Amino acid sequence: MSFLDPRKVVIVEDDPQCSKLVATKLEAEGFDVAVTETGEEGLEAIEEEMPDLLLLDLILPGIDGLEVCRRIRRKYDLPIIMLTAKDDEIDAVIGLEVGADDYITKPFGTRELVARVRAMLRRVKINREHTEPLEHLTFPELDIDIPKRQVTVQGEQEHLTPKEFGLLVYLASKPNVVFTRDEIIRDIWGRTDGGGDLRTVDTHIKRLRRKIEEGRAVPWSIATVWGVGYKFQIND
């Protein structure tokens, strides 16, 4: 991935008209774009291209978008925006569960899509620039190695997606401080539109808890502050 200036995008979309429209717009905006039509081709392109971001259609011939997402998450910390039809909202939420960072519903405007891509890549770049000079956030039974982007809980290393890692660092950097969902969407996703996207925060919190808290007796938690948001709570 091009750490200094993330610009490379792989599109996995079986509708040639849609993929051509999106690719043309992204290329006009200066992005380096590779287009594939199946899940299998998409996985091969990721191996070859090492892109900075993936645009992944949910419904694909052969391996579907959810399975592609699962396979990518086993190997890569790659930002993923899932493309879904309006009637596939439940599946889009499942996509967030298996590792997608965001989703956009068809039909969408190319300007909106480009704005989403730019926002996500901007957050990736900012997170890299701002976190690499730091070293560790350390709590009892939790170590967050920021330069290496590694999280160790009770001596076991846990694999987090870029958004999960960014979310954990964001909350843990200010223990016991409550962050609203709107603040998290703004600071982690770089978005100000809110609305239905607030559910994305809840989904990522759920995934993060499952990875670092579930089944463990630890002296901290990612706590819900009902009606407000979340905080990294140090338990007494």
C-alpha atoms as a PDB file:
ATOM      1  CA  MET A   1       0.000   0.000   0.000  1.00  0.00           C
ATOM      2  CA  SER A   2       1.181   3.533  -0.728  1.00  0.00           C
ATOM      3  CA  PHE A   3       1.536   4.826   2.838  1.00  0.00           C
ATOM      4  CA  LEU A   4       2.516   8.360   1.859  1.00  0.00           C
ATOM      5  CA  ASP A   5      -0.332   9.023  -0.553  1.00  0.00           C
ATOM      6  CA  PRO A   6      -3.001   6.300  -0.629  1.00  0.00           C
ATOM      7  CA  ARG A   7      -4.557   6.414  -4.101  1.00  0.00           C
ATOM      8  CA  LYS A   8      -4.934   2.851  -5.381  1.00  0.00           C
ATOM      9  CA  VAL A   9      -8.462   1.399  -5.466  1.00  0.00           C
ATOM     10  CA  VAL A  10      -9.695  -2.050  -6.505  1.00  0.00           C
ATOM     11  CA  ILE A  11     -13.355  -2.336  -7.569  1.00  0.00           C
ATOM     12  CA  VAL A  12     -15.114  -5.708  -7.412  1.00  0.00           C
ATOM     13  CA  GLU A  13     -18.419  -5.224  -9.231  1.00  0.00           C
ATOM     14  CA  ASP A  14     -20.183  -7.538 -11.699  1.00  0.00           C
ATOM     15  CA  ASP A  15     -22.261  -4.774 -13.291  1.00  0.00           C
ATOM     16  CA  PRO A  16     -19.988  -3.417 -16.084  1.00  0.00           C
ATOM     17  CA  GLN A  17     -21.992  -0.215 -16.423  1.00  0.00           C
ATOM     18  CA  CYS A  18     -21.686   0.551 -12.712  1.00  0.00           C
ATOM     19  CA  SER A  19     -17.998  -0.357 -12.457  1.00  0.00           C
ATOM     20  CA  LYS A  20     -17.118   1.643 -15.565  1.00  0.00           C
ATOM     21  CA  LEU A  21     -18.960   4.704 -14.258  1.00  0.00           C
ATOM     22  CA  VAL A  22     -17.245   4.501 -10.865  1.00  0.00           C
ATOM     23  CA  ALA A  23     -13.802   3.751 -12.321  1.00  0.00           C
ATOM     24  CA  THR A  24     -14.039   6.633 -14.802  1.00  0.00           C
ATOM     25  CA  LYS A  25     -14.988   9.077 -12.059  1.00  0.00           C
ATOM     26  CA  LEU A  26     -12.238   7.876  -9.693  1.00  0.00           C
ATOM     27  CA  GLU A  27      -9.614   8.011 -12.452  1.00  0.00           C
ATOM     28  CA  ALA A  28     -10.730  11.533 -13.337  1.00  0.00           C
ATOM     29  CA  GLU A  29     -10.102  12.409  -9.680  1.00  0.00           C
ATOM     30  CA  GLY A  30      -6.562  11.044  -9.877  1.00  0.00           C
ATOM     31  CA  PHE A  31      -7.013   7.553  -8.457  1.00  0.00           C
ATOM     32  CA  ASP A  32      -5.285   4.442  -9.789  1.00  0.00           C
ATOM     33  CA  VAL A  33      -8.138   1.963 -10.360  1.00  0.00           C
ATOM     34  CA  ALA A  34      -8.311  -1.767 -11.104  1.00  0.00           C
ATOM     35  CA  VAL A  35     -11.692  -3.319 -11.957  1.00  0.00           C
ATOM     36  CA  THR A  36     -12.719  -6.962 -11.480  1.00  0.00           C
ATOM     37  CA  GLU A  37     -16.088  -8.683 -11.900  1.00  0.00           C
ATOM     38  CA  THR A  38     -15.983 -11.697  -9.570  1.00  0.00           C
ATOM     39  CA  GLY A  39     -14.950 -12.425  -6.017  1.00  0.00           C
ATOM     40  CA  GLU A  40     -12.182 -14.717  -7.213  1.00  0.00           C
ATOM     41  CA  GLU A  41     -10.755 -12.041  -9.530  1.00  0.00           C
ATOM     42  CA  GLY A  42     -11.033  -9.484  -6.743  1.00  0.00           C
ATOM     43  CA  LEU A  43      -8.978 -11.598  -4.350  1.00  0.00           C
ATOM     44  CA  GLU A  44      -6.322 -12.093  -7.031  1.00  0.00           C
ATOM     45  CA  ALA A  45      -6.232  -8.358  -7.764  1.00  0.00           C
ATOM     46  CA  ILE A  46      -5.709  -7.559  -4.082  1.00  0.00           C
ATOM     47  CA  GLU A  47      -2.725  -9.922  -3.995  1.00  0.00           C
ATOM     48  CA  GLU A  48      -1.247  -8.328  -7.121  1.00  0.00           C
ATOM     49  CA  GLU A  49      -2.164  -4.670  -6.694  1.00  0.00           C
ATOM     50  CA  MET A  50      -1.920  -4.260  -2.882  1.00  0.00           C
ATOM     51  CA  PRO A  51      -4.496  -1.459  -3.041  1.00  0.00           C
ATOM     52  CA  ASP A  52      -5.197   1.218  -0.450  1.00  0.00           C
ATOM     53  CA  LEU A  53      -8.960   0.659  -0.547  1.00  0.00           C
ATOM     54  CA  LEU A  54     -11.493  -1.865  -1.847  1.00  0.00           C
ATOM     55  CA  LEU A  55     -14.933  -1.117  -3.282  1.00  0.00           C
ATOM     56  CA  LEU A  56     -16.762  -4.432  -2.947  1.00  0.00           C
ATOM     57  CA  ASP A  57     -20.172  -5.317  -4.343  1.00  0.00           C
ATOM     58  CA  LEU A  58     -22.245  -7.459  -1.987  1.00  0.00           C
ATOM     59  CA  ILE A  59     -23.856  -9.659  -4.661  1.00  0.00           C
ATOM     60  CA  LEU A  60     -21.275 -11.313  -6.909  1.00  0.00           C
ATOM     61  CA  PRO A  61     -21.142 -14.463  -9.043  1.00  0.00           C
ATOM     62  CA  GLY A  62     -19.219 -17.280  -7.393  1.00  0.00           C
ATOM     63  CA  ILE A  63     -17.741 -16.055  -4.124  1.00  0.00           C
ATOM     64  CA  ASP A  64     -20.042 -13.334  -2.809  1.00  0.00           C
ATOM     65  CA  GLY A  65     -19.004 -10.076  -1.207  1.00  0.00           C
ATOM     66  CA  LEU A  66     -19.402 -11.306   2.355  1.00  0.00           C
ATOM     67  CA  GLU A  67     -17.040 -14.230   1.796  1.00  0.00           C
ATOM     68  CA  VAL A  68     -14.547 -12.002  -0.025  1.00  0.00           C
ATOM     69  CA  CYS A  69     -14.643  -9.680   2.976  1.00  0.00           C
ATOM     70  CA  ARG A  70     -14.044 -12.560   5.406  1.00  0.00           C
ATOM     71  CA  ARG A  71     -11.045 -13.813   3.407  1.00  0.00           C
ATOM     72  CA  ILE A  72      -9.491 -10.369   3.155  1.00  0.00           C
ATOM     73  CA  ARG A  73      -9.809  -9.793   6.888  1.00  0.00           C
ATOM     74  CA  ARG A  74      -7.826 -12.958   7.597  1.00  0.00           C
ATOM     75  CA  LYS A  75      -4.792 -11.466   5.849  1.00  0.00           C
ATOM     76  CA  TYR A  76      -5.040  -7.707   5.322  1.00  0.00           C
ATOM     77  CA  ASP A  77      -5.812  -4.465   7.118  1.00  0.00           C
ATOM     78  CA  LEU A  78      -7.488  -3.054   4.033  1.00  0.00           C
ATOM     79  CA  PRO A  79     -10.254  -0.421   4.184  1.00  0.00           C
ATOM     80  CA  ILE A  80     -13.409  -1.857   2.579  1.00  0.00           C
ATOM     81  CA  ILE A  81     -16.479   0.026   1.379  1.00  0.00           C
ATOM     82  CA  MET A  82     -19.293  -2.359   0.500  1.00  0.00           C
ATOM     83  CA  LEU A  83     -21.684  -1.564  -2.348  1.00  0.00           C
ATOM     84  CA  THR A  84     -25.233  -2.763  -1.662  1.00  0.00           C
ATOM     85  CA  ALA A  85     -28.675  -2.581  -3.231  1.00  0.00           C
ATOM     86  CA  LYS A  86     -31.330  -0.717  -1.262  1.00  0.00           C
ATOM     87  CA  ASP A  87     -33.109  -3.950  -0.324  1.00  0.00           C
ATOM     88  CA  ASP A  88     -29.903  -5.519   1.045  1.00  0.00           C
ATOM     89  CA  GLU A  89     -29.563  -3.328   4.155  1.00  0.00           C
ATOM     90  CA  ILE A  90     -29.586  -6.306   6.525  1.00  0.00           C
ATOM     91  CA  ASP A  91     -26.831  -7.963   4.500  1.00  0.00           C
ATOM     92  CA  ALA A  92     -24.906  -4.682   4.579  1.00  0.00           C
ATOM     93  CA  VAL A  93     -24.962  -4.762   8.378  1.00  0.00           C
ATOM     94  CA  ILE A  94     -23.708  -8.358   8.205  1.00  0.00           C
ATOM     95  CA  GLY A  95     -20.950  -7.014   5.957  1.00  0.00           C
ATOM     96  CA  LEU A  96     -19.901  -4.671   8.761  1.00  0.00           C
ATOM     97  CA  GLU A  97     -19.928  -7.646  11.110  1.00  0.00           C
ATOM     98  CA  VAL A  98     -17.481  -9.618   8.947  1.00  0.00           C
ATOM     99  CA  GLY A  99     -15.094  -6.722   8.469  1.00  0.00           C
ATOM    100  CA  ALA A 100     -16.321  -4.028   6.062  1.00  0.00           C
ATOM    101  CA  ASP A 101     -15.582  -0.496   7.250  1.00  0.00           C
ATOM    102  CA  ASP A 102     -18.509   1.236   5.577  1.00  0.00           C
ATOM    103  CA  TYR A 103     -21.240   0.712   3.007  1.00  0.00           C
ATOM    104  CA  ILE A 104     -23.042   2.801   0.427  1.00  0.00           C
ATOM    105  CA  THR A 105     -26.453   1.966  -1.006  1.00  0.00           C
ATOM    106  CA  LYS A 106     -27.228   1.802  -4.729  1.00  0.00           C
ATOM    107  CA  PRO A 107     -28.182   3.844  -6.596  1.00  0.00           C
ATOM    108  CA  PHE A 108     -25.564   6.323  -5.428  1.00  0.00           C
ATOM    109  CA  GLY A 109     -24.086   9.444  -6.960  1.00  0.00           C
ATOM    110  CA  THR A 110     -20.468   9.214  -8.079  1.00  0.00           C
ATOM    111  CA  ARG A 111     -19.685  12.448  -6.236  1.00  0.00           C
ATOM    112  CA  GLU A 112     -20.929  10.922  -2.995  1.00  0.00           C
ATOM    113  CA  LEU A 113     -18.878   7.778  -3.606  1.00  0.00           C
ATOM    114  CA  VAL A 114     -15.715   9.748  -4.327  1.00  0.00           C
ATOM    115  CA  ALA A 115     -16.301  11.777  -1.163  1.00  0.00           C
ATOM    116  CA  ARG A 116     -16.614   8.541   0.849  1.00  0.00           C
ATOM    117  CA  VAL A 117     -13.425   7.141  -0.693  1.00  0.00           C
ATOM    118  CA  ARG A 118     -11.509  10.358  -0.052  1.00  0.00           C
ATOM    119  CA  ALA A 119     -12.749  10.563   3.540  1.00  0.00           C
ATOM    120  CA  MET A 120     -11.730   6.998   4.326  1.00  0.00           C
ATOM    121  CA  LEU A 121      -8.304   7.285   2.718  1.00  0.00           C
ATOM    122  CA  ARG A 122      -7.770  10.618   4.462  1.00  0.00           C
ATOM    123  CA  ARG A 123      -8.500   8.990   7.829  1.00  0.00           C
ATOM    124  CA  VAL A 124      -6.108   6.131   7.008  1.00  0.00           C
ATOM    125  CA  LYS A 125      -3.353   8.594   6.151  1.00  0.00           C
ATOM    126  CA  ILE A 126      -3.978  10.817   9.179  1.00  0.00           C
ATOM    127  CA  ASN A 127      -4.066   7.830  11.515  1.00  0.00           C
ATOM    128  CA  ARG A 128      -0.738   6.618  10.157  1.00  0.00           C
ATOM    129  CA  GLU A 129       0.872  10.031  10.420  1.00  0.00           C
ATOM    130  CA  HIS A 130      -0.471  10.767  13.880  1.00  0.00           C
ATOM    131  CA  THR A 131      -0.070   7.382  15.479  1.00  0.00           C
ATOM    132  CA  GLU A 132       3.325   6.247  14.233  1.00  0.00           C
ATOM    133  CA  PRO A 133       5.361   8.707  16.396  1.00  0.00           C
ATOM    134  CA  LEU A 134       3.538   7.407  19.486  1.00  0.00           C
ATOM    135  CA  GLU A 135       4.486   4.179  21.149  1.00  0.00           C
ATOM    136  CA  HIS A 136       2.144   2.447  23.575  1.00  0.00           C
ATOM    137  CA  LEU A 137      -1.075   2.722  25.472  1.00  0.00           C
ATOM    138  CA  THR A 138      -0.745   0.349  28.405  1.00  0.00           C
ATOM    139  CA  PHE A 139      -3.380  -0.797  30.855  1.00  0.00           C
ATOM    140  CA  PRO A 140      -3.617  -3.852  33.117  1.00  0.00           C
ATOM    141  CA  GLU A 141      -3.805  -6.877  30.799  1.00  0.00           C
ATOM    142  CA  LEU A 142      -3.909  -4.665  27.693  1.00  0.00           C
ATOM    143  CA  ASP A 143      -1.058  -3.324  25.574  1.00  0.00           C
ATOM    144  CA  ILE A 144      -1.628  -1.233  22.446  1.00  0.00           C
ATOM    145  CA  ASP A 145       1.533  -0.934  20.350  1.00  0.00           C
ATOM    146  CA  ILE A 146       0.649   1.957  18.083  1.00  0.00           C
ATOM    147  CA  PRO A 147       3.615   1.962  15.651  1.00  0.00           C
ATOM    148  CA  LYS A 148       3.208  -1.776  15.063  1.00  0.00           C
ATOM    149  CA  ARG A 149      -0.604  -1.524  15.206  1.00  0.00           C
ATOM    150  CA  GLN A 150      -0.711  -4.520  17.553  1.00  0.00           C
ATOM    151  CA  VAL A 151      -3.085  -5.168  20.425  1.00  0.00           C
ATOM    152  CA  THR A 152      -2.248  -7.699  23.129  1.00  0.00           C
ATOM    153  CA  VAL A 153      -4.852  -8.791  25.669  1.00  0.00           C
ATOM    154  CA  GLN A 154      -3.796 -11.029  28.563  1.00  0.00           C
ATOM    155  CA  GLY A 155      -0.679 -11.981  26.639  1.00  0.00           C
ATOM    156  CA  GLU A 156      -2.549 -12.896  23.444  1.00  0.00           C
ATOM    157  CA  GLN A 157      -2.285 -10.806  20.301  1.00  0.00           C
ATOM    158  CA  GLU A 158      -5.612  -9.884  18.731  1.00  0.00           C
ATOM    159  CA  HIS A 159      -6.020  -9.004  15.051  1.00  0.00           C
ATOM    160  CA  LEU A 160      -8.043  -5.814  14.590  1.00  0.00           C
ATOM    161  CA  THR A 161      -9.162  -4.156  11.376  1.00  0.00           C
ATOM    162  CA  PRO A 162      -7.923  -0.584  10.753  1.00  0.00           C
ATOM    163  CA  LYS A 163     -11.211   0.888  11.941  1.00  0.00           C
ATOM    164  CA  GLU A 164     -11.318  -1.322  15.042  1.00  0.00           C
ATOM    165  CA  PHE A 165      -7.739  -0.372  15.911  1.00  0.00           C
ATOM    166  CA  GLY A 166      -8.401   3.320  15.326  1.00  0.00           C
ATOM    167  CA  LEU A 167     -11.546   3.142  17.426  1.00  0.00           C
ATOM    168  CA  LEU A 168      -9.738   1.445  20.322  1.00  0.00           C
ATOM    169  CA  VAL A 169      -6.873   3.957  20.281  1.00  0.00           C
ATOM    170  CA  TYR A 170      -9.368   6.821  20.048  1.00  0.00           C
ATOM    171  CA  LEU A 171     -11.292   5.687  23.121  1.00  0.00           C
ATOM    172  CA  ALA A 172      -8.364   4.358  25.170  1.00  0.00           C
ATOM    173  CA  SER A 173      -6.301   7.503  24.672  1.00  0.00           C
ATOM    174  CA  LYS A 174      -8.757   9.261  26.994  1.00  0.00           C
ATOM    175  CA  PRO A 175      -9.941   6.732  29.591  1.00  0.00           C
ATOM    176  CA  ASN A 176     -13.358   7.369  31.143  1.00  0.00           C
ATOM    177  CA  VAL A 177     -14.120  10.205  28.709  1.00  0.00           C
ATOM    178  CA  VAL A 178     -17.458   9.786  26.937  1.00  0.00           C
ATOM    179  CA  PHE A 179     -17.501  10.208  23.151  1.00  0.00           C
ATOM    180  CA  THR A 180     -20.777  10.626  21.297  1.00  0.00           C
ATOM    181  CA  ARG A 181     -21.533   8.601  18.206  1.00  0.00           C
ATOM    182  CA  ASP A 182     -21.452  11.805  16.182  1.00  0.00           C
ATOM    183  CA  GLU A 183     -17.941  12.566  17.445  1.00  0.00           C
ATOM    184  CA  ILE A 184     -16.766   9.057  16.606  1.00  0.00           C
ATOM    185  CA  ILE A 185     -18.249   9.205  13.094  1.00  0.00           C
ATOM    186  CA  ARG A 186     -16.584  12.573  12.564  1.00  0.00           C
ATOM    187  CA  ASP A 187     -13.152  11.709  13.971  1.00  0.00           C
ATOM    188  CA  ILE A 188     -12.756   8.057  12.926  1.00  0.00           C
ATOM    189  CA  TRP A 189     -14.735   7.973   9.678  1.00  0.00           C
ATOM    190  CA  GLY A 190     -14.204  11.622   8.740  1.00  0.00           C
ATOM    191  CA  ARG A 191     -17.921  12.058   8.113  1.00  0.00           C
ATOM    192  CA  THR A 192     -20.423  14.638   9.283  1.00  0.00           C
ATOM    193  CA  ASP A 193     -23.637  13.293   7.733  1.00  0.00           C
ATOM    194  CA  GLY A 194     -24.506  11.087  10.750  1.00  0.00           C
ATOM    195  CA  GLY A 195     -27.973   9.584  10.338  1.00  0.00           C
ATOM    196  CA  GLY A 196     -28.018   5.891   9.552  1.00  0.00           C
ATOM    197  CA  ASP A 197     -24.222   5.807   9.701  1.00  0.00           C
ATOM    198  CA  LEU A 198     -24.383   5.926  13.496  1.00  0.00           C
ATOM    199  CA  ARG A 199     -25.270   2.240  13.367  1.00  0.00           C
ATOM    200  CA  THR A 200     -21.827   1.658  11.849  1.00  0.00           C
ATOM    201  CA  VAL A 201     -20.307   2.830  15.146  1.00  0.00           C
ATOM    202  CA  ASP A 202     -22.439   0.378  17.122  1.00  0.00           C
ATOM    203  CA  THR A 203     -21.455  -2.488  14.842  1.00  0.00           C
ATOM    204  CA  HIS A 204     -17.737  -1.749  15.132  1.00  0.00           C
ATOM    205  CA  ILE A 205     -17.998  -1.410  18.918  1.00  0.00           C
ATOM    206  CA  LYS A 206     -19.704  -4.804  19.039  1.00  0.00           C
ATOM    207  CA  ARG A 207     -16.954  -6.397  16.942  1.00  0.00           C
ATOM    208  CA  LEU A 208     -14.231  -4.753  19.025  1.00  0.00           C
ATOM    209  CA  ARG A 209     -15.766  -5.965  22.277  1.00  0.00           C
ATOM    210  CA  ARG A 210     -16.041  -9.472  20.896  1.00  0.00           C
ATOM    211  CA  LYS A 211     -12.340  -9.511  20.050  1.00  0.00           C
ATOM    212  CA  ILE A 212     -10.837  -7.983  23.195  1.00  0.00           C
ATOM    213  CA  GLU A 213     -13.410  -8.428  25.979  1.00  0.00           C
ATOM    214  CA  GLU A 214     -15.674 -11.427  25.416  1.00  0.00           C
ATOM    215  CA  GLY A 215     -14.881 -14.375  27.659  1.00  0.00           C
ATOM    216  CA  ARG A 216     -12.203 -12.473  29.567  1.00  0.00           C
ATOM    217  CA  ALA A 217     -12.126 -11.025  33.076  1.00  0.00           C
ATOM    218  CA  VAL A 218     -10.356  -7.711  32.474  1.00  0.00           C
ATOM    219  CA  PRO A 219     -10.264  -4.556  34.627  1.00  0.00           C
ATOM    220  CA  TRP A 220     -11.526  -2.285  31.862  1.00  0.00           C
ATOM    221  CA  SER A 221     -14.322  -2.230  29.312  1.00  0.00           C
ATOM    222  CA  ILE A 222     -15.726  -0.378  26.337  1.00  0.00           C
ATOM    223  CA  ALA A 223     -18.797   0.906  28.108  1.00  0.00           C
ATOM    224  CA  THR A 224     -22.042   2.135  26.604  1.00  0.00           C
ATOM    225  CA  VAL A 225     -23.330   5.434  27.960  1.00  0.00           C
ATOM    226  CA  TRP A 226     -26.984   5.084  27.076  1.00  0.00           C
ATOM    227  CA  GLY A 227     -28.355   7.832  24.882  1.00  0.00           C
ATOM    228  CA  VAL A 228     -24.907   9.395  24.463  1.00  0.00           C
ATOM    229  CA  GLY A 229     -22.141   7.138  23.169  1.00  0.00           C
ATOM    230  CA  TYR A 230     -19.164   5.129  24.413  1.00  0.00           C
ATOM    231  CA  LYS A 231     -16.115   5.333  26.654  1.00  0.00           C
ATOM    232  CA  PHE A 232     -13.073   3.252  27.555  1.00  0.00           C
ATOM    233  CA  GLN A 233     -13.827   2.637  31.207  1.00  0.00           C
ATOM    234  CA  ILE A 234     -11.252   1.710  33.801  1.00  0.00           C
ATOM    235  CA  ASN A 235     -13.068  -0.456  36.337  1.00  0.00           C
ATOM    236  CA  ASP A 236     -12.383   0.014  40.041  1.00  0.00           C
END
